Amino acid sequence: MDIKEWYYGQHREKQHTENLTKIVASKFQTKLEHQYAA
């Protein structure tokens, strides 16, 4: 395996994880806002 390929693979994984975290966080925040709004 090429070191560059490995590096970009790691970077993509990290970005993917960050994106998932943001999505989950925003959904969770929306849920909280709805709870307090009700």
PDB file of N, CA and C in Angstrom:
ATOM      1  N   MET A   1       0.839  -1.191   0.000  1.00  0.00           N
ATOM      2  CA  MET A   1       0.000   0.000   0.000  1.00  0.00           C
ATOM      3  C   MET A   1       0.885   1.255   0.000  1.00  0.00           C
ATOM      4  N   ASP A   2       0.488   2.203  -0.810  1.00  0.00           N
ATOM      5  CA  ASP A   2       1.231   3.452  -0.923  1.00  0.00           C
ATOM      6  C   ASP A   2       0.969   4.310   0.320  1.00  0.00           C
ATOM      7  N   ILE A   3       2.017   4.964   0.799  1.00  0.00           N
ATOM      8  CA  ILE A   3       1.852   5.785   2.016  1.00  0.00           C
ATOM      9  C   ILE A   3       0.903   6.947   1.761  1.00  0.00           C
ATOM     10  N   LYS A   4       0.922   7.479   0.533  1.00  0.00           N
ATOM     11  CA  LYS A   4       0.035   8.590   0.207  1.00  0.00           C
ATOM     12  C   LYS A   4      -1.416   8.122   0.237  1.00  0.00           C
ATOM     13  N   GLU A   5      -1.658   6.953  -0.322  1.00  0.00           N
ATOM     14  CA  GLU A   5      -3.018   6.386  -0.321  1.00  0.00           C
ATOM     15  C   GLU A   5      -3.500   6.211   1.117  1.00  0.00           C
ATOM     16  N   TRP A   6      -2.604   5.669   1.945  1.00  0.00           N
ATOM     17  CA  TRP A   6      -2.956   5.434   3.341  1.00  0.00           C
ATOM     18  C   TRP A   6      -3.293   6.759   4.020  1.00  0.00           C
ATOM     19  N   TYR A   7      -2.455   7.779   3.774  1.00  0.00           N
ATOM     20  CA  TYR A   7      -2.671   9.089   4.399  1.00  0.00           C
ATOM     21  C   TYR A   7      -4.009   9.674   3.999  1.00  0.00           C
ATOM     22  N   TYR A   8      -4.311   9.641   2.704  1.00  0.00           N
ATOM     23  CA  TYR A   8      -5.592  10.199   2.255  1.00  0.00           C
ATOM     24  C   TYR A   8      -6.760   9.382   2.780  1.00  0.00           C
ATOM     25  N   GLY A   9      -6.575   8.092   2.899  1.00  0.00           N
ATOM     26  CA  GLY A   9      -7.617   7.229   3.459  1.00  0.00           C
ATOM     27  C   GLY A   9      -7.921   7.628   4.896  1.00  0.00           C
ATOM     28  N   GLN A  10      -6.866   7.847   5.674  1.00  0.00           N
ATOM     29  CA  GLN A  10      -7.027   8.262   7.070  1.00  0.00           C
ATOM     30  C   GLN A  10      -7.748   9.599   7.133  1.00  0.00           C
ATOM     31  N   HIS A  11      -7.335  10.518   6.272  1.00  0.00           N
ATOM     32  CA  HIS A  11      -7.914  11.856   6.267  1.00  0.00           C
ATOM     33  C   HIS A  11      -9.406  11.793   5.936  1.00  0.00           C
ATOM     34  N   ARG A  12      -9.757  10.970   4.948  1.00  0.00           N
ATOM     35  CA  ARG A  12     -11.163  10.841   4.550  1.00  0.00           C
ATOM     36  C   ARG A  12     -11.985  10.253   5.686  1.00  0.00           C
ATOM     37  N   GLU A  13     -11.427   9.243   6.351  1.00  0.00           N
ATOM     38  CA  GLU A  13     -12.135   8.633   7.482  1.00  0.00           C
ATOM     39  C   GLU A  13     -12.417   9.682   8.550  1.00  0.00           C
ATOM     40  N   LYS A  14     -11.408  10.499   8.832  1.00  0.00           N
ATOM     41  CA  LYS A  14     -11.536  11.517   9.866  1.00  0.00           C
ATOM     42  C   LYS A  14     -12.627  12.508   9.479  1.00  0.00           C
ATOM     43  N   GLN A  15     -12.624  12.939   8.241  1.00  0.00           N
ATOM     44  CA  GLN A  15     -13.635  13.893   7.786  1.00  0.00           C
ATOM     45  C   GLN A  15     -15.020  13.277   7.864  1.00  0.00           C
ATOM     46  N   HIS A  16     -15.125  12.014   7.470  1.00  0.00           N
ATOM     47  CA  HIS A  16     -16.409  11.321   7.500  1.00  0.00           C
ATOM     48  C   HIS A  16     -16.939  11.282   8.936  1.00  0.00           C
ATOM     49  N   THR A  17     -16.051  10.946   9.875  1.00  0.00           N
ATOM     50  CA  THR A  17     -16.445  10.881  11.280  1.00  0.00           C
ATOM     51  C   THR A  17     -16.897  12.241  11.770  1.00  0.00           C
ATOM     52  N   GLU A  18     -16.161  13.300  11.372  1.00  0.00           N
ATOM     53  CA  GLU A  18     -16.527  14.652  11.800  1.00  0.00           C
ATOM     54  C   GLU A  18     -17.885  15.040  11.245  1.00  0.00           C
ATOM     55  N   ASN A  19     -18.140  14.670   9.984  1.00  0.00           N
ATOM     56  CA  ASN A  19     -19.432  14.988   9.371  1.00  0.00           C
ATOM     57  C   ASN A  19     -20.560  14.281  10.118  1.00  0.00           C
ATOM     58  N   LEU A  20     -20.345  13.004  10.424  1.00  0.00           N
ATOM     59  CA  LEU A  20     -21.364  12.253  11.166  1.00  0.00           C
ATOM     60  C   LEU A  20     -21.625  12.898  12.517  1.00  0.00           C
ATOM     61  N   THR A  21     -20.550  13.304  13.186  1.00  0.00           N
ATOM     62  CA  THR A  21     -20.690  13.928  14.502  1.00  0.00           C
ATOM     63  C   THR A  21     -21.520  15.193  14.400  1.00  0.00           C
ATOM     64  N   LYS A  22     -21.250  15.994  13.366  1.00  0.00           N
ATOM     65  CA  LYS A  22     -22.006  17.244  13.176  1.00  0.00           C
ATOM     66  C   LYS A  22     -23.478  16.951  12.936  1.00  0.00           C
ATOM     67  N   ILE A  23     -23.758  15.941  12.113  1.00  0.00           N
ATOM     68  CA  ILE A  23     -25.150  15.594  11.799  1.00  0.00           C
ATOM     69  C   ILE A  23     -25.878  15.157  13.064  1.00  0.00           C
ATOM     70  N   VAL A  24     -25.245  14.272  13.825  1.00  0.00           N
ATOM     71  CA  VAL A  24     -25.858  13.779  15.057  1.00  0.00           C
ATOM     72  C   VAL A  24     -26.066  14.924  16.040  1.00  0.00           C
ATOM     73  N   ALA A  25     -25.065  15.786  16.158  1.00  0.00           N
ATOM     74  CA  ALA A  25     -25.156  16.905  17.093  1.00  0.00           C
ATOM     75  C   ALA A  25     -26.296  17.843  16.709  1.00  0.00           C
ATOM     76  N   SER A  26     -26.426  18.145  15.425  1.00  0.00           N
ATOM     77  CA  SER A  26     -27.483  19.075  15.006  1.00  0.00           C
ATOM     78  C   SER A  26     -28.859  18.448  15.197  1.00  0.00           C
ATOM     79  N   LYS A  27     -28.981  17.130  14.938  1.00  0.00           N
ATOM     80  CA  LYS A  27     -30.266  16.453  15.152  1.00  0.00           C
ATOM     81  C   LYS A  27     -30.622  16.468  16.631  1.00  0.00           C
ATOM     82  N   PHE A  28     -29.612  16.221  17.472  1.00  0.00           N
ATOM     83  CA  PHE A  28     -29.825  16.191  18.911  1.00  0.00           C
ATOM     84  C   PHE A  28     -30.260  17.570  19.395  1.00  0.00           C
ATOM     85  N   GLN A  29     -29.611  18.615  18.880  1.00  0.00           N
ATOM     86  CA  GLN A  29     -29.950  19.978  19.284  1.00  0.00           C
ATOM     87  C   GLN A  29     -31.377  20.312  18.867  1.00  0.00           C
ATOM     88  N   THR A  30     -31.755  19.913  17.659  1.00  0.00           N
ATOM     89  CA  THR A  30     -33.120  20.170  17.172  1.00  0.00           C
ATOM     90  C   THR A  30     -34.125  19.482  18.092  1.00  0.00           C
ATOM     91  N   LYS A  31     -33.805  18.249  18.490  1.00  0.00           N
ATOM     92  CA  LYS A  31     -34.677  17.484  19.370  1.00  0.00           C
ATOM     93  C   LYS A  31     -34.848  18.218  20.696  1.00  0.00           C
ATOM     94  N   LEU A  32     -33.743  18.714  21.250  1.00  0.00           N
ATOM     95  CA  LEU A  32     -33.807  19.443  22.518  1.00  0.00           C
ATOM     96  C   LEU A  32     -34.651  20.700  22.363  1.00  0.00           C
ATOM     97  N   GLU A  33     -34.454  21.425  21.279  1.00  0.00           N
ATOM     98  CA  GLU A  33     -35.204  22.654  21.052  1.00  0.00           C
ATOM     99  C   GLU A  33     -36.699  22.365  20.977  1.00  0.00           C
ATOM    100  N   HIS A  34     -37.055  21.268  20.322  1.00  0.00           N
ATOM    101  CA  HIS A  34     -38.474  20.906  20.217  1.00  0.00           C
ATOM    102  C   HIS A  34     -39.040  20.566  21.597  1.00  0.00           C
ATOM    103  N   GLN A  35     -38.231  19.889  22.413  1.00  0.00           N
ATOM    104  CA  GLN A  35     -38.691  19.521  23.756  1.00  0.00           C
ATOM    105  C   GLN A  35     -38.974  20.764  24.586  1.00  0.00           C
ATOM    106  N   TYR A  36     -38.068  21.734  24.519  1.00  0.00           N
ATOM    107  CA  TYR A  36     -38.244  22.927  25.340  1.00  0.00           C
ATOM    108  C   TYR A  36     -39.294  23.864  24.769  1.00  0.00           C
ATOM    109  N   ALA A  37     -39.488  23.791  23.444  1.00  0.00           N
ATOM    110  CA  ALA A  37     -40.488  24.648  22.805  1.00  0.00           C
ATOM    111  C   ALA A  37     -41.896  24.167  23.154  1.00  0.00           C
ATOM    112  N   ALA A  38     -42.030  22.848  23.316  1.00  0.00           N
ATOM    113  CA  ALA A  38     -43.359  22.265  23.566  1.00  0.00           C
ATOM    114  C   ALA A  38     -43.909  22.672  24.934  1.00  0.00           C
TER     115      ALA A  38
END
